[in-house]
Amino acid sequence: DVASVLVSVLGEPAASGKTFEFSSVQGYPKPREGYGTTLARMRPDADGPLSVEQLDAEYRLMQQLLPGEVQDATKLEMGRKYEEVDAGEVSREKGA
């Protein structure tokens, strides 16, 4: 899994100039559309270090990572599972 992520981000322009950590969970699916969207949200190293407040907020946010391949919580209907979204069994439009 580590090698797979490293090879995937080599071709992502949004990874340039950014330092990041990642972890892997056995059986946890990879995002279908790659890591570009996630990497684009990250601050470049040139922006300097995060403040203690920003670091604490981002740590708390990371504890709420989305499961699944689709990575879009707005597609999840009440009572449905992320596995159903990944399988295309949920018809809710993106951003709804």
PDB file of N, CA and C in Angstrom:
ATOM      1  N   ASP A   1       0.817  -1.200   0.000  1.00  0.00           N
ATOM      2  CA  ASP A   1       0.000   0.000   0.000  1.00  0.00           C
ATOM      3  C   ASP A   1       0.855   1.256   0.000  1.00  0.00           C
ATOM      4  N   VAL A   2       1.946   1.262   0.749  1.00  0.00           N
ATOM      5  CA  VAL A   2       2.823   2.424   0.792  1.00  0.00           C
ATOM      6  C   VAL A   2       3.396   2.690  -0.594  1.00  0.00           C
ATOM      7  N   ALA A   3       3.881   1.663  -1.239  1.00  0.00           N
ATOM      8  CA  ALA A   3       4.452   1.813  -2.580  1.00  0.00           C
ATOM      9  C   ALA A   3       3.398   2.305  -3.562  1.00  0.00           C
ATOM     10  N   SER A   4       2.189   1.827  -3.448  1.00  0.00           N
ATOM     11  CA  SER A   4       1.108   2.231  -4.339  1.00  0.00           C
ATOM     12  C   SER A   4       0.818   3.730  -4.211  1.00  0.00           C
ATOM     13  N   VAL A   5       0.772   4.235  -2.987  1.00  0.00           N
ATOM     14  CA  VAL A   5       0.523   5.668  -2.777  1.00  0.00           C
ATOM     15  C   VAL A   5       1.690   6.484  -3.323  1.00  0.00           C
ATOM     16  N   LEU A   6       2.901   6.059  -3.023  1.00  0.00           N
ATOM     17  CA  LEU A   6       4.074   6.798  -3.489  1.00  0.00           C
ATOM     18  C   LEU A   6       4.121   6.872  -5.018  1.00  0.00           C
ATOM     19  N   VAL A   7       3.849   5.769  -5.676  1.00  0.00           N
ATOM     20  CA  VAL A   7       3.853   5.764  -7.141  1.00  0.00           C
ATOM     21  C   VAL A   7       2.711   6.637  -7.671  1.00  0.00           C
ATOM     22  N   SER A   8       1.554   6.598  -7.036  1.00  0.00           N
ATOM     23  CA  SER A   8       0.403   7.386  -7.476  1.00  0.00           C
ATOM     24  C   SER A   8       0.669   8.884  -7.395  1.00  0.00           C
ATOM     25  N   VAL A   9       1.318   9.330  -6.323  1.00  0.00           N
ATOM     26  CA  VAL A   9       1.526  10.774  -6.159  1.00  0.00           C
ATOM     27  C   VAL A   9       2.680  11.305  -7.006  1.00  0.00           C
ATOM     28  N   LEU A  10       3.521  10.416  -7.527  1.00  0.00           N
ATOM     29  CA  LEU A  10       4.610  10.878  -8.397  1.00  0.00           C
ATOM     30  C   LEU A  10       4.087  11.646  -9.600  1.00  0.00           C
ATOM     31  N   GLY A  11       2.946  11.252 -10.117  1.00  0.00           N
ATOM     32  CA  GLY A  11       2.374  11.901 -11.286  1.00  0.00           C
ATOM     33  C   GLY A  11       1.375  12.995 -10.972  1.00  0.00           C
ATOM     34  N   GLU A  12       1.203  13.327  -9.700  1.00  0.00           N
ATOM     35  CA  GLU A  12       0.232  14.346  -9.306  1.00  0.00           C
ATOM     36  C   GLU A  12       0.905  15.718  -9.184  1.00  0.00           C
ATOM     37  N   PRO A  13       0.571  16.660 -10.063  1.00  0.00           N
ATOM     38  CA  PRO A  13       1.162  17.994  -9.959  1.00  0.00           C
ATOM     39  C   PRO A  13       0.897  18.656  -8.598  1.00  0.00           C
ATOM     40  N   ALA A  14      -0.247  18.344  -7.984  1.00  0.00           N
ATOM     41  CA  ALA A  14      -0.603  18.953  -6.699  1.00  0.00           C
ATOM     42  C   ALA A  14       0.285  18.480  -5.555  1.00  0.00           C
ATOM     43  N   ALA A  15       1.109  17.448  -5.783  1.00  0.00           N
ATOM     44  CA  ALA A  15       1.998  16.949  -4.737  1.00  0.00           C
ATOM     45  C   ALA A  15       3.303  17.736  -4.669  1.00  0.00           C
ATOM     46  N   SER A  16       3.590  18.501  -5.695  1.00  0.00           N
ATOM     47  CA  SER A  16       4.858  19.219  -5.784  1.00  0.00           C
ATOM     48  C   SER A  16       4.986  20.275  -4.687  1.00  0.00           C
ATOM     49  N   GLY A  17       6.117  20.237  -3.971  1.00  0.00           N
ATOM     50  CA  GLY A  17       6.392  21.230  -2.935  1.00  0.00           C
ATOM     51  C   GLY A  17       5.631  21.017  -1.652  1.00  0.00           C
ATOM     52  N   LYS A  18       5.148  19.799  -1.421  1.00  0.00           N
ATOM     53  CA  LYS A  18       4.368  19.510  -0.213  1.00  0.00           C
ATOM     54  C   LYS A  18       4.945  18.299   0.511  1.00  0.00           C
ATOM     55  N   THR A  19       4.985  18.407   1.822  1.00  0.00           N
ATOM     56  CA  THR A  19       5.409  17.295   2.663  1.00  0.00           C
ATOM     57  C   THR A  19       4.168  16.783   3.381  1.00  0.00           C
ATOM     58  N   PHE A  20       3.959  15.486   3.358  1.00  0.00           N
ATOM     59  CA  PHE A  20       2.764  14.941   4.012  1.00  0.00           C
ATOM     60  C   PHE A  20       3.044  13.545   4.535  1.00  0.00           C
ATOM     61  N   GLU A  21       2.194  13.134   5.441  1.00  0.00           N
ATOM     62  CA  GLU A  21       2.232  11.778   5.987  1.00  0.00           C
ATOM     63  C   GLU A  21       0.966  11.064   5.537  1.00  0.00           C
ATOM     64  N   PHE A  22       1.015   9.770   5.525  1.00  0.00           N
ATOM     65  CA  PHE A  22      -0.189   8.996   5.276  1.00  0.00           C
ATOM     66  C   PHE A  22      -0.065   7.677   6.009  1.00  0.00           C
ATOM     67  N   SER A  23      -1.196   7.047   6.179  1.00  0.00           N
ATOM     68  CA  SER A  23      -1.207   5.720   6.789  1.00  0.00           C
ATOM     69  C   SER A  23      -2.136   4.846   5.956  1.00  0.00           C
ATOM     70  N   SER A  24      -2.036   3.579   6.156  1.00  0.00           N
ATOM     71  CA  SER A  24      -2.824   2.639   5.392  1.00  0.00           C
ATOM     72  C   SER A  24      -3.545   1.691   6.338  1.00  0.00           C
ATOM     73  N   VAL A  25      -4.734   1.333   5.965  1.00  0.00           N
ATOM     74  CA  VAL A  25      -5.509   0.362   6.729  1.00  0.00           C
ATOM     75  C   VAL A  25      -5.823  -0.786   5.780  1.00  0.00           C
ATOM     76  N   GLN A  26      -5.494  -1.992   6.191  1.00  0.00           N
ATOM     77  CA  GLN A  26      -5.718  -3.153   5.339  1.00  0.00           C
ATOM     78  C   GLN A  26      -7.188  -3.248   4.949  1.00  0.00           C
ATOM     79  N   GLY A  27      -7.443  -3.385   3.652  1.00  0.00           N
ATOM     80  CA  GLY A  27      -8.808  -3.527   3.145  1.00  0.00           C
ATOM     81  C   GLY A  27      -9.515  -2.201   2.895  1.00  0.00           C
ATOM     82  N   TYR A  28      -8.903  -1.089   3.278  1.00  0.00           N
ATOM     83  CA  TYR A  28      -9.498   0.230   3.078  1.00  0.00           C
ATOM     84  C   TYR A  28      -9.289   0.629   1.625  1.00  0.00           C
ATOM     85  N   PRO A  29     -10.353   0.918   0.874  1.00  0.00           N
ATOM     86  CA  PRO A  29     -10.190   1.194  -0.547  1.00  0.00           C
ATOM     87  C   PRO A  29      -9.513   2.537  -0.821  1.00  0.00           C
ATOM     88  N   LYS A  30      -8.839   2.604  -1.954  1.00  0.00           N
ATOM     89  CA  LYS A  30      -8.193   3.852  -2.384  1.00  0.00           C
ATOM     90  C   LYS A  30      -9.242   4.738  -3.044  1.00  0.00           C
ATOM     91  N   PRO A  31      -9.045   6.062  -3.053  1.00  0.00           N
ATOM     92  CA  PRO A  31      -9.974   6.934  -3.770  1.00  0.00           C
ATOM     93  C   PRO A  31      -9.991   6.589  -5.260  1.00  0.00           C
ATOM     94  N   ARG A  32     -11.154   6.521  -5.861  1.00  0.00           N
ATOM     95  CA  ARG A  32     -11.277   6.166  -7.272  1.00  0.00           C
ATOM     96  C   ARG A  32     -10.588   7.168  -8.182  1.00  0.00           C
ATOM     97  N   GLU A  33     -10.657   8.431  -7.823  1.00  0.00           N
ATOM     98  CA  GLU A  33     -10.129   9.481  -8.696  1.00  0.00           C
ATOM     99  C   GLU A  33      -8.714   9.895  -8.310  1.00  0.00           C
ATOM    100  N   GLY A  34      -8.025   9.060  -7.572  1.00  0.00           N
ATOM    101  CA  GLY A  34      -6.650   9.363  -7.200  1.00  0.00           C
ATOM    102  C   GLY A  34      -6.548  10.314  -6.017  1.00  0.00           C
ATOM    103  N   TYR A  35      -5.363  10.832  -5.819  1.00  0.00           N
ATOM    104  CA  TYR A  35      -5.081  11.658  -4.652  1.00  0.00           C
ATOM    105  C   TYR A  35      -4.988  13.145  -4.981  1.00  0.00           C
ATOM    106  N   GLY A  36      -5.221  13.532  -6.227  1.00  0.00           N
ATOM    107  CA  GLY A  36      -5.077  14.919  -6.652  1.00  0.00           C
ATOM    108  C   GLY A  36      -5.933  15.898  -5.875  1.00  0.00           C
ATOM    109  N   THR A  37      -7.198  15.582  -5.656  1.00  0.00           N
ATOM    110  CA  THR A  37      -8.097  16.485  -4.932  1.00  0.00           C
ATOM    111  C   THR A  37      -7.615  16.710  -3.506  1.00  0.00           C
ATOM    112  N   THR A  38      -7.214  15.642  -2.859  1.00  0.00           N
ATOM    113  CA  THR A  38      -6.720  15.747  -1.488  1.00  0.00           C
ATOM    114  C   THR A  38      -5.432  16.555  -1.437  1.00  0.00           C
ATOM    115  N   LEU A  39      -4.517  16.276  -2.350  1.00  0.00           N
ATOM    116  CA  LEU A  39      -3.243  16.984  -2.376  1.00  0.00           C
ATOM    117  C   LEU A  39      -3.416  18.466  -2.701  1.00  0.00           C
ATOM    118  N   ALA A  40      -4.382  18.790  -3.552  1.00  0.00           N
ATOM    119  CA  ALA A  40      -4.619  20.188  -3.917  1.00  0.00           C
ATOM    120  C   ALA A  40      -5.065  21.016  -2.715  1.00  0.00           C
ATOM    121  N   ARG A  41      -5.683  20.396  -1.743  1.00  0.00           N
ATOM    122  CA  ARG A  41      -6.151  21.099  -0.540  1.00  0.00           C
ATOM    123  C   ARG A  41      -5.032  21.379   0.456  1.00  0.00           C
ATOM    124  N   MET A  42      -3.911  20.724   0.278  1.00  0.00           N
ATOM    125  CA  MET A  42      -2.807  20.858   1.240  1.00  0.00           C
ATOM    126  C   MET A  42      -1.997  22.122   0.983  1.00  0.00           C
ATOM    127  N   ARG A  43      -1.471  22.685   2.065  1.00  0.00           N
ATOM    128  CA  ARG A  43      -0.617  23.875   1.969  1.00  0.00           C
ATOM    129  C   ARG A  43       0.756  23.496   1.445  1.00  0.00           C
ATOM    130  N   PRO A  44       1.323  24.334   0.581  1.00  0.00           N
ATOM    131  CA  PRO A  44       2.695  24.066   0.139  1.00  0.00           C
ATOM    132  C   PRO A  44       3.691  24.362   1.261  1.00  0.00           C
ATOM    133  N   ASP A  45       4.810  23.683   1.244  1.00  0.00           N
ATOM    134  CA  ASP A  45       5.840  23.882   2.259  1.00  0.00           C
ATOM    135  C   ASP A  45       6.308  25.336   2.316  1.00  0.00           C
ATOM    136  N   ALA A  46       6.283  26.023   1.180  1.00  0.00           N
ATOM    137  CA  ALA A  46       6.748  27.411   1.118  1.00  0.00           C
ATOM    138  C   ALA A  46       5.904  28.358   1.971  1.00  0.00           C
ATOM    139  N   ASP A  47       4.692  27.949   2.330  1.00  0.00           N
ATOM    140  CA  ASP A  47       3.834  28.788   3.176  1.00  0.00           C
ATOM    141  C   ASP A  47       4.292  28.813   4.632  1.00  0.00           C
ATOM    142  N   GLY A  48       5.261  27.977   4.968  1.00  0.00           N
ATOM    143  CA  GLY A  48       5.762  27.933   6.348  1.00  0.00           C
ATOM    144  C   GLY A  48       4.939  27.013   7.224  1.00  0.00           C
ATOM    145  N   PRO A  49       5.352  26.876   8.488  1.00  0.00           N
ATOM    146  CA  PRO A  49       4.673  25.937   9.390  1.00  0.00           C
ATOM    147  C   PRO A  49       3.292  26.440   9.822  1.00  0.00           C
ATOM    148  N   LEU A  50       2.462  25.503  10.222  1.00  0.00           N
ATOM    149  CA  LEU A  50       1.141  25.831  10.755  1.00  0.00           C
ATOM    150  C   LEU A  50       1.280  26.397  12.161  1.00  0.00           C
ATOM    151  N   SER A  51       0.330  27.255  12.540  1.00  0.00           N
ATOM    152  CA  SER A  51       0.289  27.713  13.929  1.00  0.00           C
ATOM    153  C   SER A  51      -0.198  26.550  14.795  1.00  0.00           C
ATOM    154  N   VAL A  52      -0.018  26.658  16.083  1.00  0.00           N
ATOM    155  CA  VAL A  52      -0.473  25.602  16.999  1.00  0.00           C
ATOM    156  C   VAL A  52      -1.979  25.413  16.861  1.00  0.00           C
ATOM    157  N   GLU A  53      -2.723  26.499  16.698  1.00  0.00           N
ATOM    158  CA  GLU A  53      -4.182  26.417  16.561  1.00  0.00           C
ATOM    159  C   GLU A  53      -4.570  25.692  15.269  1.00  0.00           C
ATOM    160  N   GLN A  54      -3.885  26.012  14.161  1.00  0.00           N
ATOM    161  CA  GLN A  54      -4.167  25.349  12.891  1.00  0.00           C
ATOM    162  C   GLN A  54      -3.824  23.865  12.961  1.00  0.00           C
ATOM    163  N   LEU A  55      -2.691  23.567  13.581  1.00  0.00           N
ATOM    164  CA  LEU A  55      -2.268  22.185  13.709  1.00  0.00           C
ATOM    165  C   LEU A  55      -3.287  21.378  14.509  1.00  0.00           C
ATOM    166  N   ASP A  56      -3.769  21.942  15.606  1.00  0.00           N
ATOM    167  CA  ASP A  56      -4.768  21.261  16.437  1.00  0.00           C
ATOM    168  C   ASP A  56      -6.059  21.050  15.645  1.00  0.00           C
ATOM    169  N   ALA A  57      -6.493  22.053  14.896  1.00  0.00           N
ATOM    170  CA  ALA A  57      -7.726  21.932  14.108  1.00  0.00           C
ATOM    171  C   ALA A  57      -7.583  20.866  13.027  1.00  0.00           C
ATOM    172  N   GLU A  58      -6.447  20.838  12.350  1.00  0.00           N
ATOM    173  CA  GLU A  58      -6.242  19.842  11.294  1.00  0.00           C
ATOM    174  C   GLU A  58      -6.135  18.431  11.862  1.00  0.00           C
ATOM    175  N   TYR A  59      -5.527  18.299  13.026  1.00  0.00           N
ATOM    176  CA  TYR A  59      -5.450  16.983  13.664  1.00  0.00           C
ATOM    177  C   TYR A  59      -6.850  16.476  13.988  1.00  0.00           C
ATOM    178  N   ARG A  60      -7.681  17.342  14.535  1.00  0.00           N
ATOM    179  CA  ARG A  60      -9.060  16.936  14.858  1.00  0.00           C
ATOM    180  C   ARG A  60      -9.833  16.574  13.593  1.00  0.00           C
ATOM    181  N   LEU A  61      -9.596  17.323  12.533  1.00  0.00           N
ATOM    182  CA  LEU A  61     -10.261  17.033  11.268  1.00  0.00           C
ATOM    183  C   LEU A  61      -9.819  15.692  10.705  1.00  0.00           C
ATOM    184  N   MET A  62      -8.537  15.393  10.786  1.00  0.00           N
ATOM    185  CA  MET A  62      -8.027  14.126  10.259  1.00  0.00           C
ATOM    186  C   MET A  62      -8.615  12.930  10.984  1.00  0.00           C
ATOM    187  N   GLN A  63      -9.062  13.117  12.200  1.00  0.00           N
ATOM    188  CA  GLN A  63      -9.671  12.019  12.941  1.00  0.00           C
ATOM    189  C   GLN A  63     -11.056  11.663  12.396  1.00  0.00           C
ATOM    190  N   GLN A  64     -11.544  12.445  11.455  1.00  0.00           N
ATOM    191  CA  GLN A  64     -12.869  12.226  10.882  1.00  0.00           C
ATOM    192  C   GLN A  64     -12.799  11.869   9.400  1.00  0.00           C
ATOM    193  N   LEU A  65     -11.722  11.255   8.964  1.00  0.00           N
ATOM    194  CA  LEU A  65     -11.543  10.925   7.555  1.00  0.00           C
ATOM    195  C   LEU A  65     -12.684  10.075   7.016  1.00  0.00           C
ATOM    196  N   LEU A  66     -13.042  10.324   5.784  1.00  0.00           N
ATOM    197  CA  LEU A  66     -14.116   9.578   5.141  1.00  0.00           C
ATOM    198  C   LEU A  66     -13.648   8.193   4.715  1.00  0.00           C
ATOM    199  N   PRO A  67     -14.467   7.199   4.943  1.00  0.00           N
ATOM    200  CA  PRO A  67     -14.157   5.882   4.394  1.00  0.00           C
ATOM    201  C   PRO A  67     -14.634   5.800   2.952  1.00  0.00           C
ATOM    202  N   GLY A  68     -14.198   4.791   2.259  1.00  0.00           N
ATOM    203  CA  GLY A  68     -14.716   4.510   0.926  1.00  0.00           C
ATOM    204  C   GLY A  68     -13.890   5.076  -0.208  1.00  0.00           C
ATOM    205  N   GLU A  69     -14.262   4.648  -1.412  1.00  0.00           N
ATOM    206  CA  GLU A  69     -13.557   5.036  -2.629  1.00  0.00           C
ATOM    207  C   GLU A  69     -14.037   6.366  -3.185  1.00  0.00           C
ATOM    208  N   VAL A  70     -15.301   6.701  -3.016  1.00  0.00           N
ATOM    209  CA  VAL A  70     -15.893   7.874  -3.639  1.00  0.00           C
ATOM    210  C   VAL A  70     -15.449   9.166  -2.952  1.00  0.00           C
ATOM    211  N   GLN A  71     -15.280   9.163  -1.651  1.00  0.00           N
ATOM    212  CA  GLN A  71     -14.799  10.318  -0.889  1.00  0.00           C
ATOM    213  C   GLN A  71     -15.698  11.545  -1.034  1.00  0.00           C
ATOM    214  N   ASP A  72     -17.015  11.340  -0.974  1.00  0.00           N
ATOM    215  CA  ASP A  72     -17.969  12.436  -1.042  1.00  0.00           C
ATOM    216  C   ASP A  72     -19.114  12.159  -0.078  1.00  0.00           C
ATOM    217  N   ALA A  73     -19.050  12.778   1.094  1.00  0.00           N
ATOM    218  CA  ALA A  73     -20.061  12.545   2.123  1.00  0.00           C
ATOM    219  C   ALA A  73     -21.439  13.030   1.701  1.00  0.00           C
ATOM    220  N   THR A  74     -21.522  13.986   0.756  1.00  0.00           N
ATOM    221  CA  THR A  74     -22.821  14.505   0.336  1.00  0.00           C
ATOM    222  C   THR A  74     -23.617  13.485  -0.472  1.00  0.00           C
ATOM    223  N   LYS A  75     -22.972  12.430  -0.953  1.00  0.00           N
ATOM    224  CA  LYS A  75     -23.685  11.398  -1.714  1.00  0.00           C
ATOM    225  C   LYS A  75     -24.314  10.348  -0.793  1.00  0.00           C
ATOM    226  N   LEU A  76     -23.974  10.393   0.487  1.00  0.00           N
ATOM    227  CA  LEU A  76     -24.469   9.379   1.413  1.00  0.00           C
ATOM    228  C   LEU A  76     -25.868   9.738   1.901  1.00  0.00           C
ATOM    229  N   GLU A  77     -26.835   8.875   1.634  1.00  0.00           N
ATOM    230  CA  GLU A  77     -28.198   9.074   2.105  1.00  0.00           C
ATOM    231  C   GLU A  77     -28.332   8.498   3.513  1.00  0.00           C
ATOM    232  N   MET A  78     -29.260   9.040   4.278  1.00  0.00           N
ATOM    233  CA  MET A  78     -29.468   8.547   5.634  1.00  0.00           C
ATOM    234  C   MET A  78     -29.794   7.055   5.615  1.00  0.00           C
ATOM    235  N   GLY A  79     -29.120   6.312   6.456  1.00  0.00           N
ATOM    236  CA  GLY A  79     -29.359   4.879   6.554  1.00  0.00           C
ATOM    237  C   GLY A  79     -28.584   4.044   5.550  1.00  0.00           C
ATOM    238  N   ARG A  80     -27.781   4.689   4.698  1.00  0.00           N
ATOM    239  CA  ARG A  80     -27.005   3.953   3.696  1.00  0.00           C
ATOM    240  C   ARG A  80     -25.557   3.855   4.146  1.00  0.00           C
ATOM    241  N   LYS A  81     -24.819   2.974   3.535  1.00  0.00           N
ATOM    242  CA  LYS A  81     -23.419   2.744   3.893  1.00  0.00           C
ATOM    243  C   LYS A  81     -22.503   3.255   2.785  1.00  0.00           C
ATOM    244  N   TYR A  82     -21.256   3.593   3.170  1.00  0.00           N
ATOM    245  CA  TYR A  82     -20.281   4.033   2.172  1.00  0.00           C
ATOM    246  C   TYR A  82     -20.019   2.945   1.135  1.00  0.00           C
ATOM    247  N   GLU A  83     -20.122   1.705   1.548  1.00  0.00           N
ATOM    248  CA  GLU A  83     -19.924   0.609   0.607  1.00  0.00           C
ATOM    249  C   GLU A  83     -20.985   0.644  -0.490  1.00  0.00           C
ATOM    250  N   GLU A  84     -22.216   1.059  -0.126  1.00  0.00           N
ATOM    251  CA  GLU A  84     -23.293   1.166  -1.113  1.00  0.00           C
ATOM    252  C   GLU A  84     -23.034   2.324  -2.080  1.00  0.00           C
ATOM    253  N   VAL A  85     -22.470   3.425  -1.570  1.00  0.00           N
ATOM    254  CA  VAL A  85     -22.105   4.545  -2.445  1.00  0.00           C
ATOM    255  C   VAL A  85     -21.032   4.083  -3.426  1.00  0.00           C
ATOM    256  N   ASP A  86     -20.014   3.389  -2.919  1.00  0.00           N
ATOM    257  CA  ASP A  86     -18.928   2.896  -3.769  1.00  0.00           C
ATOM    258  C   ASP A  86     -19.440   1.957  -4.855  1.00  0.00           C
ATOM    259  N   ALA A  87     -20.463   1.169  -4.528  1.00  0.00           N
ATOM    260  CA  ALA A  87     -21.004   0.195  -5.474  1.00  0.00           C
ATOM    261  C   ALA A  87     -22.009   0.823  -6.444  1.00  0.00           C
ATOM    262  N   GLY A  88     -22.292   2.123  -6.302  1.00  0.00           N
ATOM    263  CA  GLY A  88     -23.233   2.793  -7.187  1.00  0.00           C
ATOM    264  C   GLY A  88     -24.685   2.527  -6.848  1.00  0.00           C
ATOM    265  N   GLU A  89     -24.950   2.052  -5.628  1.00  0.00           N
ATOM    266  CA  GLU A  89     -26.315   1.713  -5.229  1.00  0.00           C
ATOM    267  C   GLU A  89     -27.066   2.898  -4.632  1.00  0.00           C
ATOM    268  N   VAL A  90     -26.411   4.054  -4.518  1.00  0.00           N
ATOM    269  CA  VAL A  90     -27.042   5.259  -3.971  1.00  0.00           C
ATOM    270  C   VAL A  90     -27.174   6.260  -5.101  1.00  0.00           C
ATOM    271  N   SER A  91     -28.369   6.771  -5.321  1.00  0.00           N
ATOM    272  CA  SER A  91     -28.624   7.627  -6.482  1.00  0.00           C
ATOM    273  C   SER A  91     -28.514   9.122  -6.172  1.00  0.00           C
ATOM    274  N   ARG A  92     -28.181   9.486  -4.968  1.00  0.00           N
ATOM    275  CA  ARG A  92     -28.102  10.903  -4.609  1.00  0.00           C
ATOM    276  C   ARG A  92     -27.010  11.606  -5.415  1.00  0.00           C
ATOM    277  N   GLU A  93     -27.315  12.779  -5.945  1.00  0.00           N
ATOM    278  CA  GLU A  93     -26.375  13.546  -6.752  1.00  0.00           C
ATOM    279  C   GLU A  93     -25.262  14.128  -5.883  1.00  0.00           C
ATOM    280  N   LYS A  94     -24.084  14.268  -6.441  1.00  0.00           N
ATOM    281  CA  LYS A  94     -22.936  14.854  -5.750  1.00  0.00           C
ATOM    282  C   LYS A  94     -23.276  16.280  -5.327  1.00  0.00           C
ATOM    283  N   GLY A  95     -22.976  16.615  -4.067  1.00  0.00           N
ATOM    284  CA  GLY A  95     -23.203  17.962  -3.546  1.00  0.00           C
ATOM    285  C   GLY A  95     -24.630  18.218  -3.077  1.00  0.00           C
ATOM    286  N   ALA A  96     -25.516  17.215  -3.179  1.00  0.00           N
ATOM    287  CA  ALA A  96     -26.916  17.406  -2.793  1.00  0.00           C
ATOM    288  C   ALA A  96     -27.079  17.554  -1.290  1.00  0.00           C
TER     289      ALA A  96
END
